[in-house]
Structure formats: C-alpha cells, structure tokens
Amino acid sequence: MNIKKAAEMFDLSVDTLRYYERVGVIPPVNRNESGYRDYQTNDLNWIYLAKNLRNAGLSVESLIEFAHLAQLRETQNVEEAQKQILHDQLAELDEKLAQMRQVRELLVYKIETYDEHVGKFQAGTIPPAKVEKLWERN
C-alpha cells in the first residue's frame, strides 16, 4: 500500500506518516523498486498503534522509545521494557478517565440544576454566604 492510501486509512496526513518514520515513532517502512514506501500489515499496525497511543496522550518520545525497543529484539528485557511503557500509559489513561468522569458528573449536575440556580440568583434568594461550594458537593 502506498503512503497516500495508508494516510487515508488512518485519517492522518502524508506528512505525519513521513514524520513518524523519520523520528522513529514507527519503524522504517520498506520501499518498492521505485523507492516509494510500500506499507505492509505490520507497518499499518504500527501506524494504528502510534495514532491511538498519541490520542491517549503518550508522548512522541515514549513512542520513539517503544519503536526503538521493538527493533532491538536480540537485547534482553526488551519485551518487559515495552510492556512497562504500555503499563505506564494505561495508568496515566486511567487517571485521566477518572478526572474526566468527575468533570462529566459536575457537568451533568450543573445542567440538571441550571435553571433552578439561575432562577434563585435572579430572584436574589441565594445570599453570598449560602452559595454552594461545588468542590464540597460530593
């Protein structure tokens, strides 16, 4: 598969794929007789993984380290190092999800009580000393 089709497949730009390869986010892609990149299933898997890990917040530097480790298969503990990168990212993602759940709950609460609160403020029935402390709501 050529670079244009690979880019379209994952909704990335051709420049992004070139950049990912140049900096080492994905391993080098084999080229055909004409010198054009020829993406195979393994290359596409790397792109898919890189895109999703980036979307989840993994840094480019961590992706480069992960891809570099994959190319050092003869070195001991490579798999453990890669697995640790993934574990670390999962822990970060779990923390972000917990934060997002809290924000979601706050938004739901604010939407559900919006009209009531606005009405009370407009009517002047909530004195400043009685304003709800959102951070103490739970």
N, C-alpha and C. Protein backbone atom coordinates (compact mmCIF):
# COMPACT_ATOMS: atom_id res chain seq x y z
N MET A 1 0.85 -1.17 0.00
CA MET A 1 0.00 0.00 0.00
C MET A 1 0.90 1.23 0.00
N ASN A 2 0.52 2.23 -0.77
CA ASN A 2 1.33 3.45 -0.83
C ASN A 2 1.01 4.37 0.35
N ILE A 3 1.81 5.41 0.50
CA ILE A 3 1.69 6.29 1.66
C ILE A 3 0.37 7.05 1.67
N LYS A 4 -0.12 7.42 0.50
CA LYS A 4 -1.38 8.17 0.44
C LYS A 4 -2.53 7.31 0.96
N LYS A 5 -2.58 6.07 0.53
CA LYS A 5 -3.65 5.17 0.98
C LYS A 5 -3.53 4.88 2.48
N ALA A 6 -2.30 4.69 2.95
CA ALA A 6 -2.08 4.44 4.38
C ALA A 6 -2.53 5.64 5.20
N ALA A 7 -2.20 6.83 4.73
CA ALA A 7 -2.60 8.05 5.43
C ALA A 7 -4.13 8.18 5.48
N GLU A 8 -4.77 7.93 4.36
CA GLU A 8 -6.24 8.00 4.30
C GLU A 8 -6.87 6.95 5.22
N MET A 9 -6.28 5.77 5.25
CA MET A 9 -6.82 4.67 6.05
C MET A 9 -6.94 5.05 7.52
N PHE A 10 -5.98 5.83 8.01
CA PHE A 10 -5.96 6.19 9.43
C PHE A 10 -6.25 7.66 9.68
N ASP A 11 -6.74 8.34 8.65
CA ASP A 11 -7.09 9.76 8.76
C ASP A 11 -5.92 10.58 9.29
N LEU A 12 -4.76 10.35 8.72
CA LEU A 12 -3.55 11.10 9.04
C LEU A 12 -3.06 11.75 7.75
N SER A 13 -2.20 12.71 7.89
CA SER A 13 -1.62 13.32 6.69
C SER A 13 -0.40 12.51 6.25
N VAL A 14 -0.07 12.64 5.00
CA VAL A 14 1.14 12.01 4.47
C VAL A 14 2.36 12.56 5.22
N ASP A 15 2.34 13.84 5.50
CA ASP A 15 3.45 14.46 6.25
C ASP A 15 3.60 13.84 7.64
N THR A 16 2.49 13.53 8.28
CA THR A 16 2.55 12.90 9.61
C THR A 16 3.20 11.53 9.51
N LEU A 17 2.83 10.75 8.52
CA LEU A 17 3.45 9.42 8.36
C LEU A 17 4.93 9.54 8.08
N ARG A 18 5.32 10.49 7.26
CA ARG A 18 6.75 10.69 6.98
C ARG A 18 7.48 11.10 8.27
N TYR A 19 6.85 11.98 9.02
CA TYR A 19 7.44 12.44 10.28
C TYR A 19 7.58 11.27 11.25
N TYR A 20 6.52 10.49 11.41
CA TYR A 20 6.57 9.33 12.32
C TYR A 20 7.73 8.41 11.96
N GLU A 21 7.93 8.18 10.69
CA GLU A 21 9.03 7.31 10.28
C GLU A 21 10.38 8.00 10.49
N ARG A 22 10.47 9.27 10.14
CA ARG A 22 11.74 9.99 10.25
C ARG A 22 12.25 10.05 11.68
N VAL A 23 11.34 10.32 12.64
CA VAL A 23 11.79 10.45 14.03
C VAL A 23 11.82 9.13 14.78
N GLY A 24 11.23 8.09 14.18
CA GLY A 24 11.28 6.77 14.81
C GLY A 24 10.05 6.38 15.60
N VAL A 25 8.94 7.06 15.40
CA VAL A 25 7.69 6.66 16.06
C VAL A 25 7.23 5.31 15.52
N ILE A 26 7.47 5.11 14.22
CA ILE A 26 7.22 3.81 13.60
C ILE A 26 8.55 3.33 12.99
N PRO A 27 8.74 2.03 12.95
CA PRO A 27 9.98 1.51 12.33
C PRO A 27 10.04 1.89 10.85
N PRO A 28 11.24 1.85 10.27
CA PRO A 28 11.38 2.17 8.85
C PRO A 28 10.49 1.28 7.98
N VAL A 29 9.90 1.90 6.97
CA VAL A 29 9.00 1.19 6.06
C VAL A 29 9.81 0.77 4.83
N ASN A 30 9.62 -0.48 4.42
CA ASN A 30 10.31 -0.96 3.22
C ASN A 30 9.83 -0.18 2.00
N ARG A 31 10.71 -0.09 1.04
CA ARG A 31 10.39 0.64 -0.19
C ARG A 31 10.36 -0.32 -1.37
N ASN A 32 9.56 0.02 -2.36
CA ASN A 32 9.49 -0.81 -3.56
C ASN A 32 10.65 -0.49 -4.51
N GLU A 33 10.64 -1.12 -5.67
CA GLU A 33 11.73 -0.94 -6.63
C GLU A 33 11.91 0.51 -7.07
N SER A 34 10.82 1.26 -7.04
CA SER A 34 10.86 2.67 -7.46
C SER A 34 11.27 3.60 -6.32
N GLY A 35 11.46 3.06 -5.13
CA GLY A 35 11.86 3.86 -3.99
C GLY A 35 10.71 4.41 -3.16
N TYR A 36 9.49 4.06 -3.53
CA TYR A 36 8.33 4.53 -2.77
C TYR A 36 8.05 3.60 -1.59
N ARG A 37 7.56 4.18 -0.51
CA ARG A 37 7.20 3.37 0.65
C ARG A 37 6.12 2.37 0.26
N ASP A 38 6.27 1.16 0.77
CA ASP A 38 5.31 0.08 0.48
C ASP A 38 4.84 -0.48 1.81
N TYR A 39 3.74 0.07 2.33
CA TYR A 39 3.23 -0.29 3.65
C TYR A 39 2.61 -1.68 3.64
N GLN A 40 3.08 -2.51 4.57
CA GLN A 40 2.56 -3.86 4.76
C GLN A 40 1.74 -3.87 6.05
N THR A 41 1.12 -4.98 6.34
CA THR A 41 0.25 -5.10 7.52
C THR A 41 0.98 -4.70 8.80
N ASN A 42 2.21 -5.14 8.97
CA ASN A 42 2.95 -4.79 10.18
C ASN A 42 3.16 -3.27 10.28
N ASP A 43 3.46 -2.63 9.17
CA ASP A 43 3.62 -1.17 9.16
C ASP A 43 2.31 -0.48 9.54
N LEU A 44 1.21 -0.99 8.99
CA LEU A 44 -0.10 -0.41 9.28
C LEU A 44 -0.47 -0.61 10.75
N ASN A 45 -0.08 -1.76 11.31
CA ASN A 45 -0.31 -1.97 12.74
C ASN A 45 0.44 -0.94 13.58
N TRP A 46 1.68 -0.64 13.18
CA TRP A 46 2.46 0.37 13.90
C TRP A 46 1.79 1.74 13.82
N ILE A 47 1.30 2.09 12.64
CA ILE A 47 0.62 3.38 12.47
C ILE A 47 -0.62 3.43 13.36
N TYR A 48 -1.40 2.37 13.33
CA TYR A 48 -2.62 2.30 14.13
C TYR A 48 -2.30 2.45 15.62
N LEU A 49 -1.29 1.72 16.07
CA LEU A 49 -0.88 1.79 17.47
C LEU A 49 -0.39 3.19 17.82
N ALA A 50 0.46 3.76 16.98
CA ALA A 50 1.01 5.09 17.24
C ALA A 50 -0.11 6.14 17.30
N LYS A 51 -1.03 6.09 16.36
CA LYS A 51 -2.12 7.06 16.34
C LYS A 51 -2.95 6.96 17.61
N ASN A 52 -3.30 5.75 18.00
CA ASN A 52 -4.15 5.58 19.18
C ASN A 52 -3.42 5.94 20.47
N LEU A 53 -2.15 5.58 20.56
CA LEU A 53 -1.40 5.94 21.76
C LEU A 53 -1.19 7.45 21.85
N ARG A 54 -0.97 8.10 20.72
CA ARG A 54 -0.86 9.57 20.71
C ARG A 54 -2.18 10.19 21.16
N ASN A 55 -3.29 9.67 20.62
CA ASN A 55 -4.60 10.19 21.00
C ASN A 55 -4.87 10.01 22.49
N ALA A 56 -4.28 8.98 23.08
CA ALA A 56 -4.46 8.73 24.51
C ALA A 56 -3.48 9.54 25.35
N GLY A 57 -2.57 10.26 24.70
CA GLY A 57 -1.67 11.14 25.43
C GLY A 57 -0.23 10.68 25.55
N LEU A 58 0.11 9.55 24.96
CA LEU A 58 1.50 9.09 25.03
C LEU A 58 2.38 10.06 24.25
N SER A 59 3.49 10.42 24.82
CA SER A 59 4.38 11.39 24.18
C SER A 59 5.07 10.78 22.96
N VAL A 60 5.49 11.65 22.07
CA VAL A 60 6.25 11.20 20.89
C VAL A 60 7.53 10.51 21.36
N GLU A 61 8.14 11.05 22.41
CA GLU A 61 9.38 10.46 22.91
C GLU A 61 9.17 9.02 23.39
N SER A 62 8.05 8.77 24.08
CA SER A 62 7.74 7.41 24.54
C SER A 62 7.47 6.48 23.36
N LEU A 63 6.79 7.00 22.35
CA LEU A 63 6.54 6.19 21.16
C LEU A 63 7.84 5.84 20.45
N ILE A 64 8.75 6.79 20.40
CA ILE A 64 10.06 6.54 19.78
C ILE A 64 10.80 5.46 20.56
N GLU A 65 10.76 5.57 21.88
CA GLU A 65 11.42 4.56 22.71
C GLU A 65 10.80 3.18 22.49
N PHE A 66 9.49 3.13 22.44
CA PHE A 66 8.77 1.87 22.22
C PHE A 66 9.17 1.25 20.89
N ALA A 67 9.17 2.04 19.83
CA ALA A 67 9.53 1.55 18.49
C ALA A 67 11.00 1.14 18.45
N HIS A 68 11.85 1.90 19.09
CA HIS A 68 13.28 1.58 19.13
C HIS A 68 13.50 0.24 19.82
N LEU A 69 12.81 0.02 20.91
CA LEU A 69 12.93 -1.26 21.63
C LEU A 69 12.50 -2.43 20.74
N ALA A 70 11.48 -2.20 19.93
CA ALA A 70 10.99 -3.27 19.05
C ALA A 70 12.04 -3.70 18.04
N GLN A 71 12.95 -2.79 17.73
CA GLN A 71 13.99 -3.10 16.75
C GLN A 71 15.22 -3.72 17.41
N LEU A 72 15.22 -3.85 18.73
CA LEU A 72 16.34 -4.42 19.46
C LEU A 72 15.98 -5.80 20.02
N ARG A 73 15.33 -6.58 19.26
CA ARG A 73 14.81 -7.87 19.73
C ARG A 73 15.88 -8.78 20.34
N GLU A 74 17.12 -8.63 19.94
CA GLU A 74 18.16 -9.51 20.47
C GLU A 74 18.59 -9.12 21.88
N THR A 75 18.21 -7.95 22.33
CA THR A 75 18.57 -7.47 23.66
C THR A 75 17.59 -8.04 24.69
N GLN A 76 18.12 -8.44 25.84
CA GLN A 76 17.27 -8.98 26.89
C GLN A 76 16.37 -7.89 27.46
N ASN A 77 15.26 -8.32 27.96
CA ASN A 77 14.30 -7.45 28.66
C ASN A 77 13.64 -6.40 27.77
N VAL A 78 13.75 -6.54 26.46
CA VAL A 78 13.09 -5.59 25.56
C VAL A 78 11.58 -5.66 25.74
N GLU A 79 11.06 -6.86 25.77
CA GLU A 79 9.61 -7.02 25.91
C GLU A 79 9.13 -6.42 27.23
N GLU A 80 9.89 -6.63 28.30
CA GLU A 80 9.50 -6.07 29.60
C GLU A 80 9.52 -4.54 29.56
N ALA A 81 10.51 -3.97 28.90
CA ALA A 81 10.60 -2.51 28.80
C ALA A 81 9.41 -1.97 27.99
N GLN A 82 9.08 -2.64 26.90
CA GLN A 82 7.93 -2.21 26.10
C GLN A 82 6.64 -2.34 26.91
N LYS A 83 6.52 -3.46 27.60
CA LYS A 83 5.32 -3.70 28.40
C LYS A 83 5.19 -2.64 29.49
N GLN A 84 6.31 -2.22 30.07
CA GLN A 84 6.29 -1.20 31.11
C GLN A 84 5.81 0.13 30.54
N ILE A 85 6.24 0.47 29.34
CA ILE A 85 5.76 1.70 28.69
C ILE A 85 4.24 1.65 28.56
N LEU A 86 3.73 0.49 28.13
CA LEU A 86 2.28 0.34 27.97
C LEU A 86 1.57 0.40 29.32
N HIS A 87 2.14 -0.23 30.35
CA HIS A 87 1.55 -0.17 31.69
C HIS A 87 1.51 1.27 32.20
N ASP A 88 2.60 1.99 32.01
CA ASP A 88 2.66 3.38 32.45
C ASP A 88 1.60 4.22 31.75
N GLN A 89 1.44 3.98 30.45
CA GLN A 89 0.45 4.73 29.71
C GLN A 89 -0.96 4.38 30.17
N LEU A 90 -1.19 3.11 30.46
CA LEU A 90 -2.50 2.69 30.95
C LEU A 90 -2.81 3.36 32.28
N ALA A 91 -1.84 3.45 33.16
CA ALA A 91 -2.05 4.11 34.45
C ALA A 91 -2.39 5.59 34.25
N GLU A 92 -1.67 6.26 33.36
CA GLU A 92 -1.96 7.67 33.07
C GLU A 92 -3.36 7.83 32.49
N LEU A 93 -3.72 6.94 31.58
CA LEU A 93 -5.03 7.00 30.96
C LEU A 93 -6.13 6.76 31.98
N ASP A 94 -5.94 5.81 32.89
CA ASP A 94 -6.92 5.55 33.94
C ASP A 94 -7.11 6.79 34.81
N GLU A 95 -6.03 7.48 35.11
CA GLU A 95 -6.11 8.69 35.91
C GLU A 95 -6.88 9.78 35.16
N LYS A 96 -6.59 9.93 33.88
CA LYS A 96 -7.31 10.93 33.07
C LYS A 96 -8.79 10.59 32.98
N LEU A 97 -9.10 9.30 32.82
CA LEU A 97 -10.50 8.88 32.75
C LEU A 97 -11.24 9.19 34.05
N ALA A 98 -10.58 8.96 35.18
CA ALA A 98 -11.20 9.28 36.47
C ALA A 98 -11.47 10.78 36.57
N GLN A 99 -10.52 11.59 36.13
CA GLN A 99 -10.72 13.04 36.14
C GLN A 99 -11.86 13.43 35.20
N MET A 100 -11.91 12.80 34.06
CA MET A 100 -12.97 13.12 33.09
C MET A 100 -14.34 12.70 33.64
N ARG A 101 -14.40 11.57 34.35
CA ARG A 101 -15.67 11.15 34.95
C ARG A 101 -16.15 12.19 35.97
N GLN A 102 -15.22 12.72 36.77
CA GLN A 102 -15.58 13.75 37.75
C GLN A 102 -16.10 15.00 37.05
N VAL A 103 -15.44 15.41 36.00
CA VAL A 103 -15.88 16.59 35.26
C VAL A 103 -17.24 16.32 34.62
N ARG A 104 -17.42 15.12 34.10
CA ARG A 104 -18.71 14.77 33.50
C ARG A 104 -19.83 14.84 34.53
N GLU A 105 -19.58 14.29 35.72
CA GLU A 105 -20.58 14.35 36.79
C GLU A 105 -20.91 15.79 37.16
N LEU A 106 -19.90 16.64 37.21
CA LEU A 106 -20.13 18.05 37.51
C LEU A 106 -20.98 18.70 36.42
N LEU A 107 -20.66 18.41 35.16
CA LEU A 107 -21.44 18.98 34.06
C LEU A 107 -22.89 18.51 34.10
N VAL A 108 -23.11 17.24 34.36
CA VAL A 108 -24.47 16.71 34.46
C VAL A 108 -25.22 17.44 35.58
N TYR A 109 -24.56 17.58 36.72
CA TYR A 109 -25.17 18.27 37.85
C TYR A 109 -25.52 19.71 37.49
N LYS A 110 -24.57 20.41 36.87
CA LYS A 110 -24.81 21.81 36.51
C LYS A 110 -25.95 21.93 35.50
N ILE A 111 -26.02 21.02 34.56
CA ILE A 111 -27.11 21.06 33.57
C ILE A 111 -28.45 20.80 34.25
N GLU A 112 -28.48 19.79 35.12
CA GLU A 112 -29.74 19.42 35.79
C GLU A 112 -30.24 20.51 36.73
N THR A 113 -29.35 21.28 37.33
CA THR A 113 -29.75 22.29 38.31
C THR A 113 -29.63 23.72 37.78
N TYR A 114 -29.28 23.86 36.53
CA TYR A 114 -29.00 25.19 35.96
C TYR A 114 -30.17 26.15 36.12
N ASP A 115 -31.33 25.75 35.61
CA ASP A 115 -32.49 26.65 35.62
C ASP A 115 -32.85 27.05 37.05
N GLU A 116 -32.80 26.08 37.97
CA GLU A 116 -33.12 26.36 39.37
C GLU A 116 -32.13 27.37 39.96
N HIS A 117 -30.84 27.16 39.72
CA HIS A 117 -29.83 28.06 40.27
C HIS A 117 -29.94 29.46 39.66
N VAL A 118 -30.12 29.53 38.36
CA VAL A 118 -30.24 30.83 37.71
C VAL A 118 -31.46 31.57 38.25
N GLY A 119 -32.55 30.84 38.42
CA GLY A 119 -33.76 31.45 38.96
C GLY A 119 -33.54 32.02 40.35
N LYS A 120 -32.86 31.27 41.19
CA LYS A 120 -32.59 31.74 42.56
C LYS A 120 -31.67 32.95 42.56
N PHE A 121 -30.64 32.93 41.70
CA PHE A 121 -29.73 34.08 41.63
C PHE A 121 -30.46 35.31 41.13
N GLN A 122 -31.29 35.14 40.11
CA GLN A 122 -32.02 36.28 39.56
C GLN A 122 -33.03 36.83 40.55
N ALA A 123 -33.59 35.93 41.35
CA ALA A 123 -34.58 36.36 42.35
C ALA A 123 -33.90 36.92 43.60
N GLY A 124 -32.59 36.71 43.70
CA GLY A 124 -31.87 37.20 44.87
C GLY A 124 -32.11 36.38 46.11
N THR A 125 -32.51 35.13 45.95
CA THR A 125 -32.82 34.29 47.11
C THR A 125 -31.63 33.49 47.61
N ILE A 126 -30.49 33.65 46.98
CA ILE A 126 -29.28 32.96 47.46
C ILE A 126 -28.29 34.02 47.91
N PRO A 127 -28.16 34.20 49.21
CA PRO A 127 -27.17 35.18 49.70
C PRO A 127 -25.76 34.65 49.48
N PRO A 128 -24.78 35.53 49.32
CA PRO A 128 -23.41 35.10 49.06
C PRO A 128 -22.89 34.05 50.05
N ALA A 129 -23.32 34.12 51.28
CA ALA A 129 -22.85 33.15 52.28
C ALA A 129 -23.44 31.76 52.04
N LYS A 130 -24.49 31.67 51.27
CA LYS A 130 -25.16 30.39 51.02
C LYS A 130 -24.89 29.82 49.63
N VAL A 131 -23.99 30.46 48.90
CA VAL A 131 -23.65 29.95 47.57
C VAL A 131 -22.99 28.59 47.72
N GLU A 132 -23.45 27.67 46.94
CA GLU A 132 -22.96 26.28 47.00
C GLU A 132 -21.47 26.21 46.69
N LYS A 133 -20.76 25.40 47.46
CA LYS A 133 -19.34 25.15 47.22
C LYS A 133 -19.25 23.87 46.39
N LEU A 134 -19.07 24.04 45.09
CA LEU A 134 -19.08 22.89 44.18
C LEU A 134 -18.04 21.84 44.54
N TRP A 135 -16.90 22.27 45.03
CA TRP A 135 -15.83 21.32 45.35
C TRP A 135 -16.18 20.46 46.57
N GLU A 136 -17.18 20.87 47.34
CA GLU A 136 -17.60 20.09 48.51
C GLU A 136 -18.89 19.31 48.22
N ARG A 137 -19.34 19.32 47.01
CA ARG A 137 -20.63 18.73 46.62
C ARG A 137 -20.65 17.22 46.86
N ASN A 138 -19.57 16.55 46.66
CA ASN A 138 -19.58 15.08 46.77
C ASN A 138 -19.37 14.65 48.15
